[in-house]
């Protein structure tokens, strides 16, 4: 799919996979080896984790805590949208922390097309 998209794009979702060992507390530490396909997709699609502000972990069960909800973007997105900040909000009625993405007020665009998103 990424080969057919030449525009800036962002994916923000519960990936149910980890990119780094420091995104998990307790449980198995075999993070990188546990989901090589996810790492490969991120590499091939040149996706970058935008980081976050707020609580370090977005999901927990018992004493296992993980940061599996994240926002990933390609380089075109990162160059077009300046001052992006991803916030881990407080849990209300879920076992996941919702994500909030702030665009700030600086957007660079040469595109005549409006910004759109796909809600899943």
PDB file of N, CA and C in Angstrom:
ATOM      1  N   UNK A   1       0.815  -1.189   0.000  1.00  0.00           N
ATOM      2  CA  UNK A   1       0.000   0.000   0.000  1.00  0.00           C
ATOM      3  C   UNK A   1       0.867   1.264   0.000  1.00  0.00           C
ATOM      4  N   UNK A   2       1.961   1.258   0.761  1.00  0.00           N
ATOM      5  CA  UNK A   2       2.815   2.444   0.866  1.00  0.00           C
ATOM      6  C   UNK A   2       3.430   2.814  -0.487  1.00  0.00           C
ATOM      7  N   UNK A   3       3.668   1.839  -1.332  1.00  0.00           N
ATOM      8  CA  UNK A   3       4.256   2.119  -2.645  1.00  0.00           C
ATOM      9  C   UNK A   3       3.316   2.941  -3.516  1.00  0.00           C
ATOM     10  N   UNK A   4       2.015   2.860  -3.259  1.00  0.00           N
ATOM     11  CA  UNK A   4       1.026   3.579  -4.050  1.00  0.00           C
ATOM     12  C   UNK A   4       0.678   4.949  -3.476  1.00  0.00           C
ATOM     13  N   UNK A   5       1.265   5.305  -2.351  1.00  0.00           N
ATOM     14  CA  UNK A   5       0.966   6.590  -1.710  1.00  0.00           C
ATOM     15  C   UNK A   5       2.197   7.478  -1.781  1.00  0.00           C
ATOM     16  N   UNK A   6       2.072   8.563  -2.516  1.00  0.00           N
ATOM     17  CA  UNK A   6       3.209   9.488  -2.629  1.00  0.00           C
ATOM     18  C   UNK A   6       2.984  10.753  -1.806  1.00  0.00           C
ATOM     19  N   UNK A   7       1.849  10.824  -1.125  1.00  0.00           N
ATOM     20  CA  UNK A   7       1.519  11.987  -0.305  1.00  0.00           C
ATOM     21  C   UNK A   7       1.977  11.786   1.133  1.00  0.00           C
ATOM     22  N   UNK A   8       1.982  12.854   1.927  1.00  0.00           N
ATOM     23  CA  UNK A   8       2.276  12.712   3.356  1.00  0.00           C
ATOM     24  C   UNK A   8       1.213  11.857   4.029  1.00  0.00           C
ATOM     25  N   UNK A   9       1.629  10.978   4.940  1.00  0.00           N
ATOM     26  CA  UNK A   9       0.636  10.183   5.656  1.00  0.00           C
ATOM     27  C   UNK A   9       1.065   9.886   7.071  1.00  0.00           C
ATOM     28  N   UNK A  10       0.029   9.734   7.910  1.00  0.00           N
ATOM     29  CA  UNK A  10       0.176   9.481   9.333  1.00  0.00           C
ATOM     30  C   UNK A  10      -0.740   8.320   9.705  1.00  0.00           C
ATOM     31  N   UNK A  11      -0.239   7.440  10.544  1.00  0.00           N
ATOM     32  CA  UNK A  11      -1.045   6.332  11.054  1.00  0.00           C
ATOM     33  C   UNK A  11      -0.996   6.424  12.573  1.00  0.00           C
ATOM     34  N   UNK A  12      -2.153   6.551  13.208  1.00  0.00           N
ATOM     35  CA  UNK A  12      -2.235   6.617  14.672  1.00  0.00           C
ATOM     36  C   UNK A  12      -3.255   5.585  15.115  1.00  0.00           C
ATOM     37  N   UNK A  13      -2.782   4.560  15.819  1.00  0.00           N
ATOM     38  CA  UNK A  13      -3.661   3.439  16.147  1.00  0.00           C
ATOM     39  C   UNK A  13      -3.003   2.557  17.213  1.00  0.00           C
ATOM     40  N   UNK A  14      -3.766   1.623  17.741  1.00  0.00           N
ATOM     41  CA  UNK A  14      -3.238   0.569  18.604  1.00  0.00           C
ATOM     42  C   UNK A  14      -2.590  -0.462  17.689  1.00  0.00           C
ATOM     43  N   UNK A  15      -1.272  -0.493  17.640  1.00  0.00           N
ATOM     44  CA  UNK A  15      -0.562  -1.412  16.757  1.00  0.00           C
ATOM     45  C   UNK A  15      -0.429  -2.817  17.350  1.00  0.00           C
ATOM     46  N   UNK A  16      -0.663  -2.943  18.652  1.00  0.00           N
ATOM     47  CA  UNK A  16      -0.501  -4.229  19.335  1.00  0.00           C
ATOM     48  C   UNK A  16       0.883  -4.819  19.115  1.00  0.00           C
ATOM     49  N   UNK A  17       1.854  -3.957  18.906  1.00  0.00           N
ATOM     50  CA  UNK A  17       3.244  -4.376  18.706  1.00  0.00           C
ATOM     51  C   UNK A  17       4.148  -3.268  19.226  1.00  0.00           C
ATOM     52  N   UNK A  18       5.334  -3.653  19.624  1.00  0.00           N
ATOM     53  CA  UNK A  18       6.295  -2.703  20.188  1.00  0.00           C
ATOM     54  C   UNK A  18       7.464  -2.490  19.238  1.00  0.00           C
ATOM     55  N   UNK A  19       8.002  -1.292  19.244  1.00  0.00           N
ATOM     56  CA  UNK A  19       9.183  -0.985  18.441  1.00  0.00           C
ATOM     57  C   UNK A  19      10.469  -1.082  19.256  1.00  0.00           C
ATOM     58  N   UNK A  20      10.385  -0.837  20.549  1.00  0.00           N
ATOM     59  CA  UNK A  20      11.571  -0.818  21.408  1.00  0.00           C
ATOM     60  C   UNK A  20      11.291  -1.535  22.722  1.00  0.00           C
ATOM     61  N   UNK A  21      12.352  -2.079  23.309  1.00  0.00           N
ATOM     62  CA  UNK A  21      12.208  -2.781  24.584  1.00  0.00           C
ATOM     63  C   UNK A  21      11.819  -1.855  25.723  1.00  0.00           C
ATOM     64  N   UNK A  22      12.170  -0.565  25.629  1.00  0.00           N
ATOM     65  CA  UNK A  22      11.830   0.360  26.717  1.00  0.00           C
ATOM     66  C   UNK A  22      10.362   0.767  26.702  1.00  0.00           C
ATOM     67  N   UNK A  23       9.592   0.254  25.745  1.00  0.00           N
ATOM     68  CA  UNK A  23       8.158   0.543  25.674  1.00  0.00           C
ATOM     69  C   UNK A  23       7.336  -0.513  26.416  1.00  0.00           C
ATOM     70  N   UNK A  24       8.019  -1.319  27.232  1.00  0.00           N
ATOM     71  CA  UNK A  24       7.330  -2.374  27.976  1.00  0.00           C
ATOM     72  C   UNK A  24       7.897  -2.465  29.382  1.00  0.00           C
ATOM     73  N   UNK A  25       6.997  -2.720  30.351  1.00  0.00           N
ATOM     74  CA  UNK A  25       7.409  -2.922  31.734  1.00  0.00           C
ATOM     75  C   UNK A  25       6.799  -4.235  32.205  1.00  0.00           C
ATOM     76  N   UNK A  26       7.637  -5.133  32.670  1.00  0.00           N
ATOM     77  CA  UNK A  26       7.255  -6.476  33.123  1.00  0.00           C
ATOM     78  C   UNK A  26       6.911  -7.367  31.935  1.00  0.00           C
ATOM     79  N   UNK A  27       6.699  -8.635  32.192  1.00  0.00           N
ATOM     80  CA  UNK A  27       6.423  -9.584  31.117  1.00  0.00           C
ATOM     81  C   UNK A  27       7.683  -9.886  30.330  1.00  0.00           C
ATOM     82  N   UNK A  28       7.540 -10.532  29.190  1.00  0.00           N
ATOM     83  CA  UNK A  28       8.659 -10.918  28.343  1.00  0.00           C
ATOM     84  C   UNK A  28       9.393  -9.701  27.813  1.00  0.00           C
ATOM     85  N   UNK A  29      10.715  -9.779  27.736  1.00  0.00           N
ATOM     86  CA  UNK A  29      11.507  -8.678  27.191  1.00  0.00           C
ATOM     87  C   UNK A  29      11.932  -8.966  25.756  1.00  0.00           C
ATOM     88  N   UNK A  30      11.397  -9.987  25.144  1.00  0.00           N
ATOM     89  CA  UNK A  30      11.732 -10.342  23.766  1.00  0.00           C
ATOM     90  C   UNK A  30      10.877  -9.516  22.798  1.00  0.00           C
ATOM     91  N   UNK A  31      10.974  -8.210  22.872  1.00  0.00           N
ATOM     92  CA  UNK A  31      10.103  -7.308  22.118  1.00  0.00           C
ATOM     93  C   UNK A  31      10.441  -7.296  20.636  1.00  0.00           C
ATOM     94  N   UNK A  32      11.683  -7.006  20.292  1.00  0.00           N
ATOM     95  CA  UNK A  32      12.070  -6.866  18.894  1.00  0.00           C
ATOM     96  C   UNK A  32      11.889  -8.178  18.151  1.00  0.00           C
ATOM     97  N   UNK A  33      12.245  -9.275  18.769  1.00  0.00           N
ATOM     98  CA  UNK A  33      12.119 -10.580  18.124  1.00  0.00           C
ATOM     99  C   UNK A  33      10.673 -11.045  18.035  1.00  0.00           C
ATOM    100  N   UNK A  34       9.789 -10.482  18.852  1.00  0.00           N
ATOM    101  CA  UNK A  34       8.416 -10.975  18.904  1.00  0.00           C
ATOM    102  C   UNK A  34       7.570 -10.523  17.714  1.00  0.00           C
ATOM    103  N   UNK A  35       7.949  -9.460  17.041  1.00  0.00           N
ATOM    104  CA  UNK A  35       7.142  -8.962  15.920  1.00  0.00           C
ATOM    105  C   UNK A  35       8.039  -8.396  14.820  1.00  0.00           C
ATOM    106  N   UNK A  36       8.822  -9.256  14.173  1.00  0.00           N
ATOM    107  CA  UNK A  36       9.733  -8.754  13.134  1.00  0.00           C
ATOM    108  C   UNK A  36       9.000  -8.146  11.946  1.00  0.00           C
ATOM    109  N   UNK A  37       7.783  -8.616  11.646  1.00  0.00           N
ATOM    110  CA  UNK A  37       7.031  -8.078  10.508  1.00  0.00           C
ATOM    111  C   UNK A  37       6.703  -6.599  10.727  1.00  0.00           C
ATOM    112  N   UNK A  38       6.356  -6.219  11.965  1.00  0.00           N
ATOM    113  CA  UNK A  38       6.047  -4.822  12.268  1.00  0.00           C
ATOM    114  C   UNK A  38       7.275  -3.944  12.062  1.00  0.00           C
ATOM    115  N   UNK A  39       8.416  -4.409  12.514  1.00  0.00           N
ATOM    116  CA  UNK A  39       9.660  -3.655  12.328  1.00  0.00           C
ATOM    117  C   UNK A  39      10.006  -3.528  10.847  1.00  0.00           C
ATOM    118  N   UNK A  40       9.775  -4.591  10.102  1.00  0.00           N
ATOM    119  CA  UNK A  40      10.062  -4.576   8.671  1.00  0.00           C
ATOM    120  C   UNK A  40       9.153  -3.581   7.938  1.00  0.00           C
ATOM    121  N   UNK A  41       7.862  -3.590   8.262  1.00  0.00           N
ATOM    122  CA  UNK A  41       6.914  -2.656   7.636  1.00  0.00           C
ATOM    123  C   UNK A  41       7.317  -1.213   7.941  1.00  0.00           C
ATOM    124  N   UNK A  42       7.652  -0.933   9.189  1.00  0.00           N
ATOM    125  CA  UNK A  42       8.067   0.429   9.559  1.00  0.00           C
ATOM    126  C   UNK A  42       9.320   0.838   8.788  1.00  0.00           C
ATOM    127  N   UNK A  43      10.218  -0.085   8.603  1.00  0.00           N
ATOM    128  CA  UNK A  43      11.450   0.198   7.878  1.00  0.00           C
ATOM    129  C   UNK A  43      11.186   0.410   6.387  1.00  0.00           C
ATOM    130  N   UNK A  44      10.465  -0.501   5.762  1.00  0.00           N
ATOM    131  CA  UNK A  44      10.179  -0.419   4.329  1.00  0.00           C
ATOM    132  C   UNK A  44       9.357   0.824   3.999  1.00  0.00           C
ATOM    133  N   UNK A  45       8.393   1.145   4.826  1.00  0.00           N
ATOM    134  CA  UNK A  45       7.527   2.316   4.600  1.00  0.00           C
ATOM    135  C   UNK A  45       8.154   3.600   5.108  1.00  0.00           C
ATOM    136  N   UNK A  46       9.334   3.494   5.710  1.00  0.00           N
ATOM    137  CA  UNK A  46      10.048   4.642   6.268  1.00  0.00           C
ATOM    138  C   UNK A  46       9.171   5.425   7.242  1.00  0.00           C
ATOM    139  N   UNK A  47       8.565   4.692   8.164  1.00  0.00           N
ATOM    140  CA  UNK A  47       7.703   5.300   9.170  1.00  0.00           C
ATOM    141  C   UNK A  47       8.498   5.644  10.420  1.00  0.00           C
ATOM    142  N   UNK A  48       8.225   6.797  10.967  1.00  0.00           N
ATOM    143  CA  UNK A  48       8.902   7.276  12.168  1.00  0.00           C
ATOM    144  C   UNK A  48       7.868   7.446  13.276  1.00  0.00           C
ATOM    145  N   UNK A  49       8.221   7.015  14.468  1.00  0.00           N
ATOM    146  CA  UNK A  49       7.371   7.227  15.638  1.00  0.00           C
ATOM    147  C   UNK A  49       7.478   8.697  16.037  1.00  0.00           C
ATOM    148  N   UNK A  50       6.344   9.379  16.169  1.00  0.00           N
ATOM    149  CA  UNK A  50       6.342  10.803  16.507  1.00  0.00           C
ATOM    150  C   UNK A  50       6.597  11.081  17.982  1.00  0.00           C
ATOM    151  N   UNK A  51       6.703  10.034  18.793  1.00  0.00           N
ATOM    152  CA  UNK A  51       6.907  10.250  20.217  1.00  0.00           C
ATOM    153  C   UNK A  51       5.606  10.691  20.872  1.00  0.00           C
ATOM    154  N   UNK A  52       5.695  11.201  22.092  1.00  0.00           N
ATOM    155  CA  UNK A  52       4.476  11.569  22.809  1.00  0.00           C
ATOM    156  C   UNK A  52       4.803  12.397  24.030  1.00  0.00           C
ATOM    157  N   UNK A  53       3.751  12.966  24.597  1.00  0.00           N
ATOM    158  CA  UNK A  53       3.787  13.591  25.919  1.00  0.00           C
ATOM    159  C   UNK A  53       2.692  12.926  26.735  1.00  0.00           C
ATOM    160  N   UNK A  54       2.943  12.753  27.999  1.00  0.00           N
ATOM    161  CA  UNK A  54       1.954  12.125  28.867  1.00  0.00           C
ATOM    162  C   UNK A  54       2.477  10.824  29.443  1.00  0.00           C
ATOM    163  N   UNK A  55       1.577   9.992  29.957  1.00  0.00           N
ATOM    164  CA  UNK A  55       1.999   8.725  30.557  1.00  0.00           C
ATOM    165  C   UNK A  55       2.811   7.881  29.587  1.00  0.00           C
ATOM    166  N   UNK A  56       3.837   7.186  30.112  1.00  0.00           N
ATOM    167  CA  UNK A  56       4.746   6.409  29.257  1.00  0.00           C
ATOM    168  C   UNK A  56       4.057   5.223  28.598  1.00  0.00           C
ATOM    169  N   UNK A  57       3.120   4.588  29.287  1.00  0.00           N
ATOM    170  CA  UNK A  57       2.478   3.391  28.765  1.00  0.00           C
ATOM    171  C   UNK A  57       1.024   3.679  28.413  1.00  0.00           C
ATOM    172  N   UNK A  58       0.521   3.061  27.336  1.00  0.00           N
ATOM    173  CA  UNK A  58      -0.842   3.315  26.871  1.00  0.00           C
ATOM    174  C   UNK A  58      -1.777   2.135  27.101  1.00  0.00           C
ATOM    175  N   UNK A  59      -1.272   1.052  27.626  1.00  0.00           N
ATOM    176  CA  UNK A  59      -2.096  -0.145  27.853  1.00  0.00           C
ATOM    177  C   UNK A  59      -1.497  -0.919  29.012  1.00  0.00           C
ATOM    178  N   UNK A  60      -2.357  -1.566  29.790  1.00  0.00           N
ATOM    179  CA  UNK A  60      -1.830  -2.479  30.806  1.00  0.00           C
ATOM    180  C   UNK A  60      -2.836  -3.579  31.096  1.00  0.00           C
ATOM    181  N   UNK A  61      -2.297  -4.685  31.506  1.00  0.00           N
ATOM    182  CA  UNK A  61      -3.095  -5.810  31.982  1.00  0.00           C
ATOM    183  C   UNK A  61      -2.319  -6.392  33.156  1.00  0.00           C
ATOM    184  N   UNK A  62      -2.925  -6.346  34.327  1.00  0.00           N
ATOM    185  CA  UNK A  62      -2.227  -6.810  35.529  1.00  0.00           C
ATOM    186  C   UNK A  62      -1.019  -5.942  35.781  1.00  0.00           C
ATOM    187  N   UNK A  63       0.162  -6.589  35.875  1.00  0.00           N
ATOM    188  CA  UNK A  63       1.384  -5.820  36.114  1.00  0.00           C
ATOM    189  C   UNK A  63       2.209  -5.615  34.834  1.00  0.00           C
ATOM    190  N   UNK A  64       1.616  -5.872  33.668  1.00  0.00           N
ATOM    191  CA  UNK A  64       2.299  -5.652  32.391  1.00  0.00           C
ATOM    192  C   UNK A  64       1.825  -4.320  31.810  1.00  0.00           C
ATOM    193  N   UNK A  65       2.777  -3.459  31.481  1.00  0.00           N
ATOM    194  CA  UNK A  65       2.500  -2.145  30.916  1.00  0.00           C
ATOM    195  C   UNK A  65       3.227  -2.031  29.583  1.00  0.00           C
ATOM    196  N   UNK A  66       2.529  -1.521  28.540  1.00  0.00           N
ATOM    197  CA  UNK A  66       3.134  -1.386  27.216  1.00  0.00           C
ATOM    198  C   UNK A  66       2.692  -0.081  26.561  1.00  0.00           C
ATOM    199  N   UNK A  67       3.536   0.409  25.679  1.00  0.00           N
ATOM    200  CA  UNK A  67       3.201   1.573  24.857  1.00  0.00           C
ATOM    201  C   UNK A  67       2.949   1.062  23.439  1.00  0.00           C
ATOM    202  N   UNK A  68       1.719   0.614  23.184  1.00  0.00           N
ATOM    203  CA  UNK A  68       1.383   0.023  21.885  1.00  0.00           C
ATOM    204  C   UNK A  68       0.505   0.938  21.034  1.00  0.00           C
ATOM    205  N   UNK A  69       0.010   2.015  21.609  1.00  0.00           N
ATOM    206  CA  UNK A  69      -0.759   3.003  20.858  1.00  0.00           C
ATOM    207  C   UNK A  69       0.211   4.112  20.474  1.00  0.00           C
ATOM    208  N   UNK A  70       0.336   4.352  19.183  1.00  0.00           N
ATOM    209  CA  UNK A  70       1.328   5.344  18.752  1.00  0.00           C
ATOM    210  C   UNK A  70       0.939   5.965  17.423  1.00  0.00           C
ATOM    211  N   UNK A  71       1.620   7.050  17.100  1.00  0.00           N
ATOM    212  CA  UNK A  71       1.434   7.747  15.834  1.00  0.00           C
ATOM    213  C   UNK A  71       2.733   7.629  15.043  1.00  0.00           C
ATOM    214  N   UNK A  72       2.621   7.083  13.837  1.00  0.00           N
ATOM    215  CA  UNK A  72       3.766   6.924  12.940  1.00  0.00           C
ATOM    216  C   UNK A  72       3.512   7.740  11.682  1.00  0.00           C
ATOM    217  N   UNK A  73       4.564   8.333  11.136  1.00  0.00           N
ATOM    218  CA  UNK A  73       4.393   9.124   9.912  1.00  0.00           C
ATOM    219  C   UNK A  73       5.560   8.886   8.968  1.00  0.00           C
ATOM    220  N   UNK A  74       5.350   9.239   7.694  1.00  0.00           N
ATOM    221  CA  UNK A  74       6.452   9.197   6.744  1.00  0.00           C
ATOM    222  C   UNK A  74       7.156  10.558   6.757  1.00  0.00           C
ATOM    223  N   UNK A  75       8.282  10.641   6.058  1.00  0.00           N
ATOM    224  CA  UNK A  75       9.083  11.876   6.097  1.00  0.00           C
ATOM    225  C   UNK A  75       8.347  13.054   5.465  1.00  0.00           C
ATOM    226  N   UNK A  76       7.515  12.793   4.462  1.00  0.00           N
ATOM    227  CA  UNK A  76       6.762  13.891   3.841  1.00  0.00           C
ATOM    228  C   UNK A  76       5.798  14.537   4.840  1.00  0.00           C
ATOM    229  N   UNK A  77       5.169  13.707   5.664  1.00  0.00           N
ATOM    230  CA  UNK A  77       4.252  14.235   6.693  1.00  0.00           C
ATOM    231  C   UNK A  77       5.027  15.098   7.678  1.00  0.00           C
ATOM    232  N   UNK A  78       6.153  14.562   8.124  1.00  0.00           N
ATOM    233  CA  UNK A  78       6.949  15.268   9.130  1.00  0.00           C
ATOM    234  C   UNK A  78       7.446  16.618   8.608  1.00  0.00           C
ATOM    235  N   UNK A  79       7.801  16.683   7.335  1.00  0.00           N
ATOM    236  CA  UNK A  79       8.266  17.945   6.750  1.00  0.00           C
ATOM    237  C   UNK A  79       7.121  18.935   6.523  1.00  0.00           C
ATOM    238  N   UNK A  80       5.933  18.405   6.267  1.00  0.00           N
ATOM    239  CA  UNK A  80       4.797  19.277   5.980  1.00  0.00           C
ATOM    240  C   UNK A  80       4.159  19.851   7.234  1.00  0.00           C
ATOM    241  N   UNK A  81       4.042  19.043   8.257  1.00  0.00           N
ATOM    242  CA  UNK A  81       3.375  19.466   9.485  1.00  0.00           C
ATOM    243  C   UNK A  81       4.401  19.694  10.582  1.00  0.00           C
ATOM    244  N   UNK A  82       4.595  20.944  10.913  1.00  0.00           N
ATOM    245  CA  UNK A  82       5.550  21.315  11.947  1.00  0.00           C
ATOM    246  C   UNK A  82       4.850  21.340  13.298  1.00  0.00           C
ATOM    247  N   UNK A  83       5.607  21.200  14.349  1.00  0.00           N
ATOM    248  CA  UNK A  83       5.089  21.315  15.718  1.00  0.00           C
ATOM    249  C   UNK A  83       4.015  20.294  16.066  1.00  0.00           C
ATOM    250  N   UNK A  84       4.078  19.108  15.480  1.00  0.00           N
ATOM    251  CA  UNK A  84       3.137  18.041  15.823  1.00  0.00           C
ATOM    252  C   UNK A  84       3.478  17.525  17.215  1.00  0.00           C
ATOM    253  N   UNK A  85       2.471  17.388  18.056  1.00  0.00           N
ATOM    254  CA  UNK A  85       2.671  16.811  19.381  1.00  0.00           C
ATOM    255  C   UNK A  85       1.590  15.759  19.599  1.00  0.00           C
ATOM    256  N   UNK A  86       2.011  14.552  19.965  1.00  0.00           N
ATOM    257  CA  UNK A  86       1.087  13.464  20.278  1.00  0.00           C
ATOM    258  C   UNK A  86       0.971  13.397  21.796  1.00  0.00           C
ATOM    259  N   UNK A  87      -0.244  13.415  22.291  1.00  0.00           N
ATOM    260  CA  UNK A  87      -0.493  13.335  23.722  1.00  0.00           C
ATOM    261  C   UNK A  87      -1.152  12.000  24.059  1.00  0.00           C
ATOM    262  N   UNK A  88      -0.693  11.359  25.112  1.00  0.00           N
ATOM    263  CA  UNK A  88      -1.401  10.212  25.684  1.00  0.00           C
ATOM    264  C   UNK A  88      -2.377  10.790  26.701  1.00  0.00           C
ATOM    265  N   UNK A  89      -3.653  10.709  26.393  1.00  0.00           N
ATOM    266  CA  UNK A  89      -4.687  11.266  27.258  1.00  0.00           C
ATOM    267  C   UNK A  89      -4.987  10.278  28.391  1.00  0.00           C
ATOM    268  N   UNK A  90      -5.801  10.681  29.332  1.00  0.00           N
ATOM    269  CA  UNK A  90      -6.159   9.800  30.439  1.00  0.00           C
ATOM    270  C   UNK A  90      -7.246   8.820  30.025  1.00  0.00           C
ATOM    271  N   UNK A  91      -7.168   7.614  30.561  1.00  0.00           N
ATOM    272  CA  UNK A  91      -8.145   6.574  30.266  1.00  0.00           C
ATOM    273  C   UNK A  91      -9.503   6.951  30.851  1.00  0.00           C
ATOM    274  N   UNK A  92     -10.556   6.764  30.056  1.00  0.00           N
ATOM    275  CA  UNK A  92     -11.908   7.008  30.547  1.00  0.00           C
ATOM    276  C   UNK A  92     -12.672   5.689  30.635  1.00  0.00           C
ATOM    277  N   UNK A  93     -12.965   5.049  29.512  1.00  0.00           N
ATOM    278  CA  UNK A  93     -13.719   3.795  29.512  1.00  0.00           C
ATOM    279  C   UNK A  93     -13.065   2.787  28.591  1.00  0.00           C
ATOM    280  N   UNK A  94     -11.786   2.560  28.752  1.00  0.00           N
ATOM    281  CA  UNK A  94     -11.048   1.646  27.896  1.00  0.00           C
ATOM    282  C   UNK A  94      -9.836   1.139  28.657  1.00  0.00           C
ATOM    283  N   UNK A  95      -9.173   0.136  28.112  1.00  0.00           N
ATOM    284  CA  UNK A  95      -7.914  -0.285  28.704  1.00  0.00           C
ATOM    285  C   UNK A  95      -6.734   0.336  27.953  1.00  0.00           C
ATOM    286  N   UNK A  96      -7.034   1.283  27.046  1.00  0.00           N
ATOM    287  CA  UNK A  96      -6.012   2.017  26.300  1.00  0.00           C
ATOM    288  C   UNK A  96      -6.135   3.506  26.584  1.00  0.00           C
ATOM    289  N   UNK A  97      -4.995   4.176  26.582  1.00  0.00           N
ATOM    290  CA  UNK A  97      -4.991   5.627  26.669  1.00  0.00           C
ATOM    291  C   UNK A  97      -5.298   6.160  25.271  1.00  0.00           C
ATOM    292  N   UNK A  98      -6.278   7.037  25.109  1.00  0.00           N
ATOM    293  CA  UNK A  98      -6.536   7.617  23.786  1.00  0.00           C
ATOM    294  C   UNK A  98      -5.401   8.563  23.387  1.00  0.00           C
ATOM    295  N   UNK A  99      -5.188   8.697  22.083  1.00  0.00           N
ATOM    296  CA  UNK A  99      -4.185   9.609  21.562  1.00  0.00           C
ATOM    297  C   UNK A  99      -4.858  10.893  21.102  1.00  0.00           C
ATOM    298  N   UNK A 100      -4.196  11.998  21.338  1.00  0.00           N
ATOM    299  CA  UNK A 100      -4.634  13.288  20.819  1.00  0.00           C
ATOM    300  C   UNK A 100      -3.450  13.866  20.057  1.00  0.00           C
ATOM    301  N   UNK A 101      -3.699  14.332  18.851  1.00  0.00           N
ATOM    302  CA  UNK A 101      -2.617  14.871  18.027  1.00  0.00           C
ATOM    303  C   UNK A 101      -2.862  16.356  17.812  1.00  0.00           C
ATOM    304  N   UNK A 102      -1.925  17.155  18.288  1.00  0.00           N
ATOM    305  CA  UNK A 102      -2.013  18.605  18.148  1.00  0.00           C
ATOM    306  C   UNK A 102      -1.134  19.032  16.977  1.00  0.00           C
ATOM    307  N   UNK A 103      -1.724  19.817  16.085  1.00  0.00           N
ATOM    308  CA  UNK A 103      -1.002  20.261  14.901  1.00  0.00           C
ATOM    309  C   UNK A 103      -0.346  21.617  15.095  1.00  0.00           C
ATOM    310  N   UNK A 104      -0.546  22.235  16.221  1.00  0.00           N
ATOM    311  CA  UNK A 104       0.012  23.563  16.425  1.00  0.00           C
ATOM    312  C   UNK A 104      -0.595  24.520  15.415  1.00  0.00           C
ATOM    313  N   UNK A 105       0.137  25.522  15.002  1.00  0.00           N
ATOM    314  CA  UNK A 105      -0.415  26.467  14.036  1.00  0.00           C
ATOM    315  C   UNK A 105       0.455  26.625  12.800  1.00  0.00           C
ATOM    316  N   UNK A 106       1.449  25.770  12.644  1.00  0.00           N
ATOM    317  CA  UNK A 106       2.335  25.906  11.495  1.00  0.00           C
ATOM    318  C   UNK A 106       2.200  24.687  10.596  1.00  0.00           C
ATOM    319  N   UNK A 107       1.641  24.915   9.416  1.00  0.00           N
ATOM    320  CA  UNK A 107       1.495  23.855   8.428  1.00  0.00           C
ATOM    321  C   UNK A 107       2.056  24.370   7.117  1.00  0.00           C
ATOM    322  N   UNK A 108       2.950  23.576   6.520  1.00  0.00           N
ATOM    323  CA  UNK A 108       3.487  23.919   5.211  1.00  0.00           C
ATOM    324  C   UNK A 108       2.755  23.102   4.168  1.00  0.00           C
ATOM    325  N   UNK A 109       2.224  23.732   3.164  1.00  0.00           N
ATOM    326  CA  UNK A 109       1.559  22.974   2.112  1.00  0.00           C
ATOM    327  C   UNK A 109       1.626  23.704   0.784  1.00  0.00           C
ATOM    328  N   UNK A 110       1.839  22.931  -0.257  1.00  0.00           N
ATOM    329  CA  UNK A 110       1.761  23.426  -1.620  1.00  0.00           C
ATOM    330  C   UNK A 110       0.648  22.681  -2.346  1.00  0.00           C
ATOM    331  N   UNK A 111      -0.122  21.928  -1.599  1.00  0.00           N
ATOM    332  CA  UNK A 111      -1.136  21.063  -2.185  1.00  0.00           C
ATOM    333  C   UNK A 111      -2.472  21.786  -2.290  1.00  0.00           C
ATOM    334  N   UNK A 112      -3.160  21.632  -3.441  1.00  0.00           N
ATOM    335  CA  UNK A 112      -4.501  22.199  -3.569  1.00  0.00           C
ATOM    336  C   UNK A 112      -5.567  21.316  -2.917  1.00  0.00           C
ATOM    337  N   UNK A 113      -5.166  20.135  -2.434  1.00  0.00           N
ATOM    338  CA  UNK A 113      -6.106  19.186  -1.855  1.00  0.00           C
ATOM    339  C   UNK A 113      -6.293  19.448  -0.367  1.00  0.00           C
ATOM    340  N   UNK A 114      -7.519  19.338   0.141  1.00  0.00           N
ATOM    341  CA  UNK A 114      -7.748  19.550   1.573  1.00  0.00           C
ATOM    342  C   UNK A 114      -7.223  18.379   2.389  1.00  0.00           C
ATOM    343  N   UNK A 115      -6.927  18.643   3.662  1.00  0.00           N
ATOM    344  CA  UNK A 115      -6.514  17.582   4.578  1.00  0.00           C
ATOM    345  C   UNK A 115      -7.712  16.681   4.862  1.00  0.00           C
ATOM    346  N   UNK A 116      -7.505  15.363   4.823  1.00  0.00           N
ATOM    347  CA  UNK A 116      -8.564  14.395   5.118  1.00  0.00           C
ATOM    348  C   UNK A 116      -7.992  13.279   5.976  1.00  0.00           C
ATOM    349  N   UNK A 117      -8.858  12.588   6.692  1.00  0.00           N
ATOM    350  CA  UNK A 117      -8.407  11.426   7.448  1.00  0.00           C
ATOM    351  C   UNK A 117      -9.433  10.323   7.328  1.00  0.00           C
ATOM    352  N   UNK A 118      -8.978   9.093   7.540  1.00  0.00           N
ATOM    353  CA  UNK A 118      -9.830   7.926   7.498  1.00  0.00           C
ATOM    354  C   UNK A 118     -10.033   7.450   8.920  1.00  0.00           C
ATOM    355  N   UNK A 119     -11.252   7.469   9.376  1.00  0.00           N
ATOM    356  CA  UNK A 119     -11.572   7.020  10.721  1.00  0.00           C
ATOM    357  C   UNK A 119     -11.952   5.562  10.668  1.00  0.00           C
ATOM    358  N   UNK A 120     -11.278   4.735  11.491  1.00  0.00           N
ATOM    359  CA  UNK A 120     -11.506   3.298  11.453  1.00  0.00           C
ATOM    360  C   UNK A 120     -12.334   2.834  12.498  1.00  0.00           C
TER     361      UNK A 120
END
